[in-house]
PDB file of N, CA and C in Angstrom:
ATOM      1  N   MET A   1       0.788  -1.206   0.000  1.00  0.00           N
ATOM      2  CA  MET A   1       0.000   0.000   0.000  1.00  0.00           C
ATOM      3  C   MET A   1       0.840   1.284   0.000  1.00  0.00           C
ATOM      4  N   PRO A   2       2.127   1.277   0.409  1.00  0.00           N
ATOM      5  CA  PRO A   2       2.917   2.508   0.376  1.00  0.00           C
ATOM      6  C   PRO A   2       2.957   3.128  -1.026  1.00  0.00           C
ATOM      7  N   ASN A   3       3.134   4.449  -1.042  1.00  0.00           N
ATOM      8  CA  ASN A   3       3.222   5.224  -2.275  1.00  0.00           C
ATOM      9  C   ASN A   3       1.928   5.286  -3.069  1.00  0.00           C
ATOM     10  N   THR A   4       0.814   5.085  -2.413  1.00  0.00           N
ATOM     11  CA  THR A   4      -0.478   5.263  -3.057  1.00  0.00           C
ATOM     12  C   THR A   4      -1.179   6.439  -2.374  1.00  0.00           C
ATOM     13  N   VAL A   5      -2.135   7.012  -3.068  1.00  0.00           N
ATOM     14  CA  VAL A   5      -2.911   8.098  -2.480  1.00  0.00           C
ATOM     15  C   VAL A   5      -3.564   7.626  -1.193  1.00  0.00           C
ATOM     16  N   GLU A   6      -4.105   6.416  -1.204  1.00  0.00           N
ATOM     17  CA  GLU A   6      -4.777   5.868  -0.025  1.00  0.00           C
ATOM     18  C   GLU A   6      -3.828   5.752   1.162  1.00  0.00           C
ATOM     19  N   PHE A   7      -2.587   5.356   0.900  1.00  0.00           N
ATOM     20  CA  PHE A   7      -1.592   5.254   1.965  1.00  0.00           C
ATOM     21  C   PHE A   7      -1.385   6.613   2.635  1.00  0.00           C
ATOM     22  N   TYR A   8      -1.162   7.640   1.829  1.00  0.00           N
ATOM     23  CA  TYR A   8      -0.909   8.970   2.390  1.00  0.00           C
ATOM     24  C   TYR A   8      -2.148   9.540   3.076  1.00  0.00           C
ATOM     25  N   LEU A   9      -3.324   9.267   2.533  1.00  0.00           N
ATOM     26  CA  LEU A   9      -4.553   9.705   3.198  1.00  0.00           C
ATOM     27  C   LEU A   9      -4.683   9.037   4.561  1.00  0.00           C
ATOM     28  N   SER A  10      -4.304   7.765   4.647  1.00  0.00           N
ATOM     29  CA  SER A  10      -4.400   7.044   5.921  1.00  0.00           C
ATOM     30  C   SER A  10      -3.424   7.587   6.967  1.00  0.00           C
ATOM     31  N   LYS A  11      -2.403   8.287   6.507  1.00  0.00           N
ATOM     32  CA  LYS A  11      -1.412   8.888   7.408  1.00  0.00           C
ATOM     33  C   LYS A  11      -1.787  10.317   7.799  1.00  0.00           C
ATOM     34  N   GLY A  12      -2.937  10.793   7.310  1.00  0.00           N
ATOM     35  CA  GLY A  12      -3.418  12.108   7.698  1.00  0.00           C
ATOM     36  C   GLY A  12      -3.119  13.228   6.713  1.00  0.00           C
ATOM     37  N   PHE A  13      -2.538  12.909   5.568  1.00  0.00           N
ATOM     38  CA  PHE A  13      -2.286  13.926   4.552  1.00  0.00           C
ATOM     39  C   PHE A  13      -3.612  14.367   3.942  1.00  0.00           C
ATOM     40  N   ASP A  14      -3.685  15.645   3.533  1.00  0.00           N
ATOM     41  CA  ASP A  14      -4.878  16.057   2.795  1.00  0.00           C
ATOM     42  C   ASP A  14      -4.772  15.499   1.369  1.00  0.00           C
ATOM     43  N   GLU A  15      -5.854  15.602   0.615  1.00  0.00           N
ATOM     44  CA  GLU A  15      -5.896  14.977  -0.707  1.00  0.00           C
ATOM     45  C   GLU A  15      -4.831  15.536  -1.658  1.00  0.00           C
ATOM     46  N   LYS A  16      -4.631  16.857  -1.628  1.00  0.00           N
ATOM     47  CA  LYS A  16      -3.629  17.477  -2.499  1.00  0.00           C
ATOM     48  C   LYS A  16      -2.239  16.923  -2.211  1.00  0.00           C
ATOM     49  N   ALA A  17      -1.865  16.868  -0.932  1.00  0.00           N
ATOM     50  CA  ALA A  17      -0.544  16.362  -0.552  1.00  0.00           C
ATOM     51  C   ALA A  17      -0.429  14.867  -0.840  1.00  0.00           C
ATOM     52  N   ALA A  18      -1.490  14.119  -0.586  1.00  0.00           N
ATOM     53  CA  ALA A  18      -1.471  12.675  -0.848  1.00  0.00           C
ATOM     54  C   ALA A  18      -1.214  12.398  -2.326  1.00  0.00           C
ATOM     55  N   LYS A  19      -1.871  13.131  -3.198  1.00  0.00           N
ATOM     56  CA  LYS A  19      -1.669  12.945  -4.644  1.00  0.00           C
ATOM     57  C   LYS A  19      -0.255  13.326  -5.052  1.00  0.00           C
ATOM     58  N   TYR A  20       0.244  14.414  -4.466  1.00  0.00           N
ATOM     59  CA  TYR A  20       1.600  14.856  -4.783  1.00  0.00           C
ATOM     60  C   TYR A  20       2.628  13.793  -4.394  1.00  0.00           C
ATOM     61  N   PHE A  21       2.595  13.341  -3.156  1.00  0.00           N
ATOM     62  CA  PHE A  21       3.580  12.363  -2.704  1.00  0.00           C
ATOM     63  C   PHE A  21       3.432  11.023  -3.419  1.00  0.00           C
ATOM     64  N   ALA A  22       2.212  10.623  -3.716  1.00  0.00           N
ATOM     65  CA  ALA A  22       1.990   9.354  -4.418  1.00  0.00           C
ATOM     66  C   ALA A  22       2.533   9.404  -5.847  1.00  0.00           C
ATOM     67  N   SER A  23       2.508  10.571  -6.462  1.00  0.00           N
ATOM     68  CA  SER A  23       2.985  10.690  -7.846  1.00  0.00           C
ATOM     69  C   SER A  23       4.497  10.886  -7.938  1.00  0.00           C
ATOM     70  N   GLY A  24       5.136  11.096  -6.800  1.00  0.00           N
ATOM     71  CA  GLY A  24       6.586  11.296  -6.783  1.00  0.00           C
ATOM     72  C   GLY A  24       6.936  12.741  -6.528  1.00  0.00           C
ATOM     73  N   ARG A  25       7.835  12.948  -5.599  1.00  0.00           N
ATOM     74  CA  ARG A  25       8.234  14.304  -5.203  1.00  0.00           C
ATOM     75  C   ARG A  25       8.938  15.011  -6.362  1.00  0.00           C
ATOM     76  N   LYS A  26       8.771  16.325  -6.405  1.00  0.00           N
ATOM     77  CA  LYS A  26       9.363  17.142  -7.458  1.00  0.00           C
ATOM     78  C   LYS A  26      10.469  18.006  -6.851  1.00  0.00           C
ATOM     79  N   LYS A  27      11.515  18.234  -7.630  1.00  0.00           N
ATOM     80  CA  LYS A  27      12.649  19.028  -7.156  1.00  0.00           C
ATOM     81  C   LYS A  27      12.790  20.288  -8.006  1.00  0.00           C
ATOM     82  N   PRO A  28      12.880  21.448  -7.369  1.00  0.00           N
ATOM     83  CA  PRO A  28      13.123  22.672  -8.137  1.00  0.00           C
ATOM     84  C   PRO A  28      14.489  22.618  -8.812  1.00  0.00           C
ATOM     85  N   VAL A  29      14.523  23.053 -10.073  1.00  0.00           N
ATOM     86  CA  VAL A  29      15.791  23.113 -10.796  1.00  0.00           C
ATOM     87  C   VAL A  29      16.134  24.543 -11.214  1.00  0.00           C
ATOM     88  N   ASN A  30      15.147  25.435 -11.152  1.00  0.00           N
ATOM     89  CA  ASN A  30      15.382  26.836 -11.484  1.00  0.00           C
ATOM     90  C   ASN A  30      14.345  27.702 -10.770  1.00  0.00           C
ATOM     91  N   VAL A  31      14.755  28.898 -10.381  1.00  0.00           N
ATOM     92  CA  VAL A  31      13.838  29.846  -9.746  1.00  0.00           C
ATOM     93  C   VAL A  31      14.155  31.243 -10.261  1.00  0.00           C
ATOM     94  N   MET A  32      13.098  31.995 -10.545  1.00  0.00           N
ATOM     95  CA  MET A  32      13.258  33.375 -11.005  1.00  0.00           C
ATOM     96  C   MET A  32      12.277  34.270 -10.264  1.00  0.00           C
ATOM     97  N   PRO A  33      12.772  35.373  -9.696  1.00  0.00           N
ATOM     98  CA  PRO A  33      11.865  36.294  -9.017  1.00  0.00           C
ATOM     99  C   PRO A  33      10.938  36.969 -10.026  1.00  0.00           C
ATOM    100  N   GLN A  34       9.728  37.248  -9.583  1.00  0.00           N
ATOM    101  CA  GLN A  34       8.726  37.924 -10.397  1.00  0.00           C
ATOM    102  C   GLN A  34       8.262  39.161  -9.649  1.00  0.00           C
ATOM    103  N   ASP A  35       7.412  39.945 -10.271  1.00  0.00           N
ATOM    104  CA  ASP A  35       6.825  41.103  -9.606  1.00  0.00           C
ATOM    105  C   ASP A  35       5.864  40.650  -8.520  1.00  0.00           C
ATOM    106  N   SER A  36       5.548  41.545  -7.622  1.00  0.00           N
ATOM    107  CA  SER A  36       4.533  41.329  -6.574  1.00  0.00           C
ATOM    108  C   SER A  36       4.860  40.161  -5.652  1.00  0.00           C
ATOM    109  N   ALA A  37       6.127  40.016  -5.276  1.00  0.00           N
ATOM    110  CA  ALA A  37       6.565  38.999  -4.313  1.00  0.00           C
ATOM    111  C   ALA A  37       6.222  37.580  -4.746  1.00  0.00           C
ATOM    112  N   LYS A  38       6.382  37.311  -6.027  1.00  0.00           N
ATOM    113  CA  LYS A  38       6.146  35.966  -6.556  1.00  0.00           C
ATOM    114  C   LYS A  38       7.438  35.422  -7.142  1.00  0.00           C
ATOM    115  N   ILE A  39       7.540  34.101  -7.152  1.00  0.00           N
ATOM    116  CA  ILE A  39       8.680  33.449  -7.788  1.00  0.00           C
ATOM    117  C   ILE A  39       8.168  32.417  -8.786  1.00  0.00           C
ATOM    118  N   LEU A  40       8.886  32.296  -9.884  1.00  0.00           N
ATOM    119  CA  LEU A  40       8.589  31.297 -10.906  1.00  0.00           C
ATOM    120  C   LEU A  40       9.567  30.148 -10.695  1.00  0.00           C
ATOM    121  N   ILE A  41       9.033  28.973 -10.440  1.00  0.00           N
ATOM    122  CA  ILE A  41       9.875  27.807 -10.152  1.00  0.00           C
ATOM    123  C   ILE A  41       9.684  26.780 -11.256  1.00  0.00           C
ATOM    124  N   THR A  42      10.799  26.285 -11.796  1.00  0.00           N
ATOM    125  CA  THR A  42      10.764  25.178 -12.740  1.00  0.00           C
ATOM    126  C   THR A  42      11.202  23.933 -11.985  1.00  0.00           C
ATOM    127  N   PHE A  43      10.426  22.871 -12.116  1.00  0.00           N
ATOM    128  CA  PHE A  43      10.712  21.617 -11.412  1.00  0.00           C
ATOM    129  C   PHE A  43      11.355  20.599 -12.352  1.00  0.00           C
ATOM    130  N   ASP A  44      11.888  19.534 -11.780  1.00  0.00           N
ATOM    131  CA  ASP A  44      12.613  18.532 -12.558  1.00  0.00           C
ATOM    132  C   ASP A  44      11.738  17.762 -13.545  1.00  0.00           C
ATOM    133  N   ASN A  45      10.440  17.928 -13.480  1.00  0.00           N
ATOM    134  CA  ASN A  45       9.544  17.316 -14.470  1.00  0.00           C
ATOM    135  C   ASN A  45       9.180  18.325 -15.568  1.00  0.00           C
ATOM    136  N   ALA A  46       9.887  19.478 -15.617  1.00  0.00           N
ATOM    137  CA  ALA A  46       9.716  20.572 -16.580  1.00  0.00           C
ATOM    138  C   ALA A  46       8.483  21.425 -16.306  1.00  0.00           C
ATOM    139  N   GLU A  47       7.759  21.146 -15.252  1.00  0.00           N
ATOM    140  CA  GLU A  47       6.583  21.943 -14.901  1.00  0.00           C
ATOM    141  C   GLU A  47       7.025  23.286 -14.327  1.00  0.00           C
ATOM    142  N   LYS A  48       6.336  24.337 -14.748  1.00  0.00           N
ATOM    143  CA  LYS A  48       6.594  25.686 -14.236  1.00  0.00           C
ATOM    144  C   LYS A  48       5.411  26.092 -13.363  1.00  0.00           C
ATOM    145  N   ARG A  49       5.753  26.617 -12.168  1.00  0.00           N
ATOM    146  CA  ARG A  49       4.724  26.997 -11.212  1.00  0.00           C
ATOM    147  C   ARG A  49       5.065  28.347 -10.584  1.00  0.00           C
ATOM    148  N   ILE A  50       4.038  29.074 -10.174  1.00  0.00           N
ATOM    149  CA  ILE A  50       4.204  30.372  -9.520  1.00  0.00           C
ATOM    150  C   ILE A  50       3.875  30.223  -8.034  1.00  0.00           C
ATOM    151  N   LEU A  51       4.772  30.738  -7.210  1.00  0.00           N
ATOM    152  CA  LEU A  51       4.549  30.747  -5.764  1.00  0.00           C
ATOM    153  C   LEU A  51       4.451  32.189  -5.301  1.00  0.00           C
ATOM    154  N   ASP A  52       3.322  32.539  -4.712  1.00  0.00           N
ATOM    155  CA  ASP A  52       3.115  33.871  -4.155  1.00  0.00           C
ATOM    156  C   ASP A  52       3.647  33.860  -2.725  1.00  0.00           C
ATOM    157  N   MET A  53       4.691  34.649  -2.494  1.00  0.00           N
ATOM    158  CA  MET A  53       5.334  34.694  -1.186  1.00  0.00           C
ATOM    159  C   MET A  53       4.661  35.688  -0.234  1.00  0.00           C
ATOM    160  N   THR A  54       3.715  36.478  -0.738  1.00  0.00           N
ATOM    161  CA  THR A  54       3.079  37.525   0.063  1.00  0.00           C
ATOM    162  C   THR A  54       2.596  37.046   1.430  1.00  0.00           C
ATOM    163  N   PRO A  55       1.910  35.905   1.522  1.00  0.00           N
ATOM    164  CA  PRO A  55       1.438  35.479   2.853  1.00  0.00           C
ATOM    165  C   PRO A  55       2.562  35.178   3.849  1.00  0.00           C
ATOM    166  N   LEU A  56       3.756  34.899   3.355  1.00  0.00           N
ATOM    167  CA  LEU A  56       4.877  34.568   4.236  1.00  0.00           C
ATOM    168  C   LEU A  56       5.685  35.786   4.668  1.00  0.00           C
ATOM    169  N   ILE A  57       5.726  36.803   3.820  1.00  0.00           N
ATOM    170  CA  ILE A  57       6.582  37.964   4.069  1.00  0.00           C
ATOM    171  C   ILE A  57       5.878  38.920   5.022  1.00  0.00           C
ATOM    172  N   LYS A  58       6.055  38.648   6.307  1.00  0.00           N
ATOM    173  CA  LYS A  58       5.402  39.433   7.361  1.00  0.00           C
ATOM    174  C   LYS A  58       6.403  39.776   8.445  1.00  0.00           C
ATOM    175  N   ASP A  59       6.161  40.887   9.129  1.00  0.00           N
ATOM    176  CA  ASP A  59       6.983  41.239  10.282  1.00  0.00           C
ATOM    177  C   ASP A  59       6.895  40.122  11.314  1.00  0.00           C
ATOM    178  N   GLY A  60       7.987  39.881  11.989  1.00  0.00           N
ATOM    179  CA  GLY A  60       8.010  38.854  13.025  1.00  0.00           C
ATOM    180  C   GLY A  60       8.310  37.457  12.504  1.00  0.00           C
ATOM    181  N   THR A  61       8.553  37.327  11.191  1.00  0.00           N
ATOM    182  CA  THR A  61       8.899  36.029  10.620  1.00  0.00           C
ATOM    183  C   THR A  61      10.281  36.108   9.986  1.00  0.00           C
ATOM    184  N   VAL A  62      10.872  34.973   9.732  1.00  0.00           N
ATOM    185  CA  VAL A  62      12.177  34.931   9.075  1.00  0.00           C
ATOM    186  C   VAL A  62      12.081  35.514   7.660  1.00  0.00           C
ATOM    187  N   TYR A  63      10.904  35.434   7.054  1.00  0.00           N
ATOM    188  CA  TYR A  63      10.726  35.915   5.685  1.00  0.00           C
ATOM    189  C   TYR A  63      10.625  37.439   5.589  1.00  0.00           C
ATOM    190  N   ARG A  64      10.595  38.132   6.727  1.00  0.00           N
ATOM    191  CA  ARG A  64      10.509  39.595   6.744  1.00  0.00           C
ATOM    192  C   ARG A  64      11.619  40.227   5.909  1.00  0.00           C
ATOM    193  N   ALA A  65      12.796  39.631   5.919  1.00  0.00           N
ATOM    194  CA  ALA A  65      13.932  40.152   5.156  1.00  0.00           C
ATOM    195  C   ALA A  65      13.634  40.242   3.657  1.00  0.00           C
ATOM    196  N   LEU A  66      12.668  39.478   3.194  1.00  0.00           N
ATOM    197  CA  LEU A  66      12.335  39.476   1.771  1.00  0.00           C
ATOM    198  C   LEU A  66      11.480  40.669   1.362  1.00  0.00           C
ATOM    199  N   LYS A  67      11.104  41.517   2.336  1.00  0.00           N
ATOM    200  CA  LYS A  67      10.421  42.774   1.996  1.00  0.00           C
ATOM    201  C   LYS A  67      11.338  43.670   1.180  1.00  0.00           C
ATOM    202  N   ASP A  68      12.643  43.523   1.394  1.00  0.00           N
ATOM    203  CA  ASP A  68      13.624  44.275   0.622  1.00  0.00           C
ATOM    204  C   ASP A  68      13.706  43.671  -0.781  1.00  0.00           C
ATOM    205  N   ALA A  69      13.369  44.478  -1.790  1.00  0.00           N
ATOM    206  CA  ALA A  69      13.309  43.986  -3.170  1.00  0.00           C
ATOM    207  C   ALA A  69      14.638  43.404  -3.640  1.00  0.00           C
ATOM    208  N   ASN A  70      15.742  44.008  -3.248  1.00  0.00           N
ATOM    209  CA  ASN A  70      17.045  43.487  -3.666  1.00  0.00           C
ATOM    210  C   ASN A  70      17.315  42.109  -3.078  1.00  0.00           C
ATOM    211  N   THR A  71      16.951  41.923  -1.830  1.00  0.00           N
ATOM    212  CA  THR A  71      17.109  40.602  -1.206  1.00  0.00           C
ATOM    213  C   THR A  71      16.199  39.593  -1.896  1.00  0.00           C
ATOM    214  N   PHE A  72      14.952  39.968  -2.135  1.00  0.00           N
ATOM    215  CA  PHE A  72      13.988  39.054  -2.765  1.00  0.00           C
ATOM    216  C   PHE A  72      14.488  38.587  -4.134  1.00  0.00           C
ATOM    217  N   LYS A  73      15.112  39.470  -4.891  1.00  0.00           N
ATOM    218  CA  LYS A  73      15.571  39.143  -6.245  1.00  0.00           C
ATOM    219  C   LYS A  73      16.738  38.159  -6.263  1.00  0.00           C
ATOM    220  N   ARG A  74      17.380  37.953  -5.119  1.00  0.00           N
ATOM    221  CA  ARG A  74      18.555  37.078  -5.063  1.00  0.00           C
ATOM    222  C   ARG A  74      18.194  35.629  -4.727  1.00  0.00           C
ATOM    223  N   CYS A  75      17.098  35.133  -5.215  1.00  0.00           N
ATOM    224  CA  CYS A  75      16.710  33.746  -4.920  1.00  0.00           C
ATOM    225  C   CYS A  75      17.545  32.774  -5.762  1.00  0.00           C
ATOM    226  N   TYR A  76      17.719  31.598  -5.220  1.00  0.00           N
ATOM    227  CA  TYR A  76      18.490  30.555  -5.911  1.00  0.00           C
ATOM    228  C   TYR A  76      18.078  29.187  -5.375  1.00  0.00           C
ATOM    229  N   ILE A  77      18.529  28.143  -6.053  1.00  0.00           N
ATOM    230  CA  ILE A  77      18.301  26.766  -5.602  1.00  0.00           C
ATOM    231  C   ILE A  77      19.595  26.286  -4.951  1.00  0.00           C
ATOM    232  N   ASP A  78      19.503  25.785  -3.718  1.00  0.00           N
ATOM    233  CA  ASP A  78      20.712  25.307  -3.048  1.00  0.00           C
ATOM    234  C   ASP A  78      20.961  23.832  -3.351  1.00  0.00           C
ATOM    235  N   SER A  79      22.001  23.284  -2.788  1.00  0.00           N
ATOM    236  CA  SER A  79      22.401  21.898  -3.064  1.00  0.00           C
ATOM    237  C   SER A  79      21.388  20.867  -2.559  1.00  0.00           C
ATOM    238  N   ASN A  80      20.481  21.281  -1.673  1.00  0.00           N
ATOM    239  CA  ASN A  80      19.436  20.384  -1.183  1.00  0.00           C
ATOM    240  C   ASN A  80      18.161  20.463  -2.010  1.00  0.00           C
ATOM    241  N   GLY A  81      18.128  21.340  -3.003  1.00  0.00           N
ATOM    242  CA  GLY A  81      16.944  21.506  -3.827  1.00  0.00           C
ATOM    243  C   GLY A  81      15.901  22.419  -3.210  1.00  0.00           C
ATOM    244  N   SER A  82      16.317  23.250  -2.273  1.00  0.00           N
ATOM    245  CA  SER A  82      15.417  24.225  -1.655  1.00  0.00           C
ATOM    246  C   SER A  82      15.564  25.568  -2.362  1.00  0.00           C
ATOM    247  N   VAL A  83      14.487  26.345  -2.378  1.00  0.00           N
ATOM    248  CA  VAL A  83      14.556  27.716  -2.873  1.00  0.00           C
ATOM    249  C   VAL A  83      15.062  28.562  -1.710  1.00  0.00           C
ATOM    250  N   CYS A  84      16.098  29.372  -1.970  1.00  0.00           N
ATOM    251  CA  CYS A  84      16.779  30.096  -0.890  1.00  0.00           C
ATOM    252  C   CYS A  84      17.057  31.546  -1.225  1.00  0.00           C
ATOM    253  N   TRP A  85      17.304  32.294  -0.160  1.00  0.00           N
ATOM    254  CA  TRP A  85      17.762  33.674  -0.223  1.00  0.00           C
ATOM    255  C   TRP A  85      18.828  33.839   0.845  1.00  0.00           C
ATOM    256  N   ASP A  86      19.909  34.517   0.514  1.00  0.00           N
ATOM    257  CA  ASP A  86      20.906  34.897   1.514  1.00  0.00           C
ATOM    258  C   ASP A  86      20.530  36.283   2.017  1.00  0.00           C
ATOM    259  N   ILE A  87      20.427  36.437   3.315  1.00  0.00           N
ATOM    260  CA  ILE A  87      20.082  37.734   3.886  1.00  0.00           C
ATOM    261  C   ILE A  87      21.175  38.744   3.558  1.00  0.00           C
ATOM    262  N   ASN A  88      22.420  38.355   3.777  1.00  0.00           N
ATOM    263  CA  ASN A  88      23.565  39.202   3.453  1.00  0.00           C
ATOM    264  C   ASN A  88      24.387  38.465   2.396  1.00  0.00           C
ATOM    265  N   PRO A  89      24.459  38.986   1.174  1.00  0.00           N
ATOM    266  CA  PRO A  89      25.181  38.283   0.113  1.00  0.00           C
ATOM    267  C   PRO A  89      26.684  38.197   0.335  1.00  0.00           C
ATOM    268  N   GLU A  90      27.190  38.942   1.297  1.00  0.00           N
ATOM    269  CA  GLU A  90      28.625  38.927   1.604  1.00  0.00           C
ATOM    270  C   GLU A  90      29.000  37.741   2.498  1.00  0.00           C
ATOM    271  N   ILE A  91      28.007  37.071   3.060  1.00  0.00           N
ATOM    272  CA  ILE A  91      28.251  35.967   3.995  1.00  0.00           C
ATOM    273  C   ILE A  91      27.930  34.648   3.307  1.00  0.00           C
ATOM    274  N   ASP A  92      28.812  33.674   3.463  1.00  0.00           N
ATOM    275  CA  ASP A  92      28.614  32.343   2.890  1.00  0.00           C
ATOM    276  C   ASP A  92      27.601  31.574   3.745  1.00  0.00           C
ATOM    277  N   SER A  93      26.438  31.350   3.193  1.00  0.00           N
ATOM    278  CA  SER A  93      25.379  30.663   3.943  1.00  0.00           C
ATOM    279  C   SER A  93      25.663  29.183   4.163  1.00  0.00           C
ATOM    280  N   GLU A  94      26.634  28.641   3.452  1.00  0.00           N
ATOM    281  CA  GLU A  94      27.033  27.258   3.703  1.00  0.00           C
ATOM    282  C   GLU A  94      27.818  27.168   5.017  1.00  0.00           C
ATOM    283  N   LYS A  95      28.422  28.279   5.415  1.00  0.00           N
ATOM    284  CA  LYS A  95      29.190  28.318   6.657  1.00  0.00           C
ATOM    285  C   LYS A  95      28.408  28.942   7.804  1.00  0.00           C
ATOM    286  N   VAL A  96      27.537  29.908   7.487  1.00  0.00           N
ATOM    287  CA  VAL A  96      26.731  30.601   8.496  1.00  0.00           C
ATOM    288  C   VAL A  96      25.272  30.333   8.162  1.00  0.00           C
ATOM    289  N   TRP A  97      24.735  29.256   8.717  1.00  0.00           N
ATOM    290  CA  TRP A  97      23.391  28.804   8.340  1.00  0.00           C
ATOM    291  C   TRP A  97      22.312  29.836   8.638  1.00  0.00           C
ATOM    292  N   SER A  98      22.521  30.681   9.631  1.00  0.00           N
ATOM    293  CA  SER A  98      21.491  31.654   9.998  1.00  0.00           C
ATOM    294  C   SER A  98      21.381  32.807   8.997  1.00  0.00           C
ATOM    295  N   ASN A  99      22.227  32.822   7.986  1.00  0.00           N
ATOM    296  CA  ASN A  99      22.161  33.847   6.942  1.00  0.00           C
ATOM    297  C   ASN A  99      21.196  33.459   5.820  1.00  0.00           C
ATOM    298  N   LYS A 100      20.734  32.211   5.821  1.00  0.00           N
ATOM    299  CA  LYS A 100      19.927  31.711   4.707  1.00  0.00           C
ATOM    300  C   LYS A 100      18.465  31.536   5.103  1.00  0.00           C
ATOM    301  N   ILE A 101      17.579  31.997   4.212  1.00  0.00           N
ATOM    302  CA  ILE A 101      16.137  31.759   4.324  1.00  0.00           C
ATOM    303  C   ILE A 101      15.815  30.725   3.251  1.00  0.00           C
ATOM    304  N   ASP A 102      15.075  29.689   3.610  1.00  0.00           N
ATOM    305  CA  ASP A 102      14.784  28.687   2.588  1.00  0.00           C
ATOM    306  C   ASP A 102      13.359  28.157   2.667  1.00  0.00           C
ATOM    307  N   LEU A 103      12.944  27.590   1.546  1.00  0.00           N
ATOM    308  CA  LEU A 103      11.662  26.902   1.426  1.00  0.00           C
ATOM    309  C   LEU A 103      11.956  25.540   0.819  1.00  0.00           C
ATOM    310  N   GLY A 104      11.496  24.489   1.459  1.00  0.00           N
ATOM    311  CA  GLY A 104      11.725  23.144   0.953  1.00  0.00           C
ATOM    312  C   GLY A 104      10.994  22.887  -0.355  1.00  0.00           C
ATOM    313  N   ALA A 105      11.504  21.927  -1.101  1.00  0.00           N
ATOM    314  CA  ALA A 105      10.956  21.586  -2.410  1.00  0.00           C
ATOM    315  C   ALA A 105       9.480  21.214  -2.349  1.00  0.00           C
ATOM    316  N   ASP A 106       9.097  20.410  -1.363  1.00  0.00           N
ATOM    317  CA  ASP A 106       7.702  19.972  -1.274  1.00  0.00           C
ATOM    318  C   ASP A 106       6.769  21.154  -1.026  1.00  0.00           C
ATOM    319  N   THR A 107       7.170  22.052  -0.130  1.00  0.00           N
ATOM    320  CA  THR A 107       6.374  23.254   0.138  1.00  0.00           C
ATOM    321  C   THR A 107       6.257  24.102  -1.121  1.00  0.00           C
ATOM    322  N   CYS A 108       7.361  24.262  -1.830  1.00  0.00           N
ATOM    323  CA  CYS A 108       7.333  25.061  -3.065  1.00  0.00           C
ATOM    324  C   CYS A 108       6.316  24.492  -4.052  1.00  0.00           C
ATOM    325  N   TYR A 109       6.283  23.192  -4.173  1.00  0.00           N
ATOM    326  CA  TYR A 109       5.344  22.591  -5.123  1.00  0.00           C
ATOM    327  C   TYR A 109       3.907  22.686  -4.622  1.00  0.00           C
ATOM    328  N   LEU A 110       3.685  22.283  -3.391  1.00  0.00           N
ATOM    329  CA  LEU A 110       2.319  22.222  -2.864  1.00  0.00           C
ATOM    330  C   LEU A 110       1.675  23.586  -2.713  1.00  0.00           C
ATOM    331  N   GLU A 111       2.455  24.620  -2.434  1.00  0.00           N
ATOM    332  CA  GLU A 111       1.895  25.955  -2.217  1.00  0.00           C
ATOM    333  C   GLU A 111       1.873  26.814  -3.477  1.00  0.00           C
ATOM    334  N   SER A 112       2.386  26.298  -4.567  1.00  0.00           N
ATOM    335  CA  SER A 112       2.424  27.065  -5.816  1.00  0.00           C
ATOM    336  C   SER A 112       1.276  26.640  -6.724  1.00  0.00           C
ATOM    337  N   VAL A 113       1.097  27.419  -7.785  1.00  0.00           N
ATOM    338  CA  VAL A 113       0.061  27.096  -8.779  1.00  0.00           C
ATOM    339  C   VAL A 113       0.706  26.919 -10.140  1.00  0.00           C
ATOM    340  N   SER A 114       0.154  26.018 -10.900  1.00  0.00           N
ATOM    341  CA  SER A 114       0.668  25.733 -12.234  1.00  0.00           C
ATOM    342  C   SER A 114       0.398  26.887 -13.188  1.00  0.00           C
ATOM    343  N   LEU A 115       1.314  27.111 -14.092  1.00  0.00           N
ATOM    344  CA  LEU A 115       1.106  28.151 -15.112  1.00  0.00           C
ATOM    345  C   LEU A 115       0.100  27.667 -16.148  1.00  0.00           C
TER     346      LEU A 115
END
């Protein structure tokens, strides 16, 4: 029964997440900033999706730093396949983990919409 929609539903996943995991996880391979706090993500299955970051970019959250347009434009895919931003581009986020803001691949897919 593993790797079926029914399996994931039995584990408490909602239907959208169950279908996603049952069909195989997707990995971001490219990300481009867009207007209005959105990012365009291309996944390893060639699907392009838009993620609206507006609900996340709030005071009191780690994503607050993305209110700065220059910081927001510096998005990239890291070695783990997460969409990331370095708060300070002068600091190596591989050495100073607290300099990096990231979103995991699964979140990027599940919270985005297809073009």
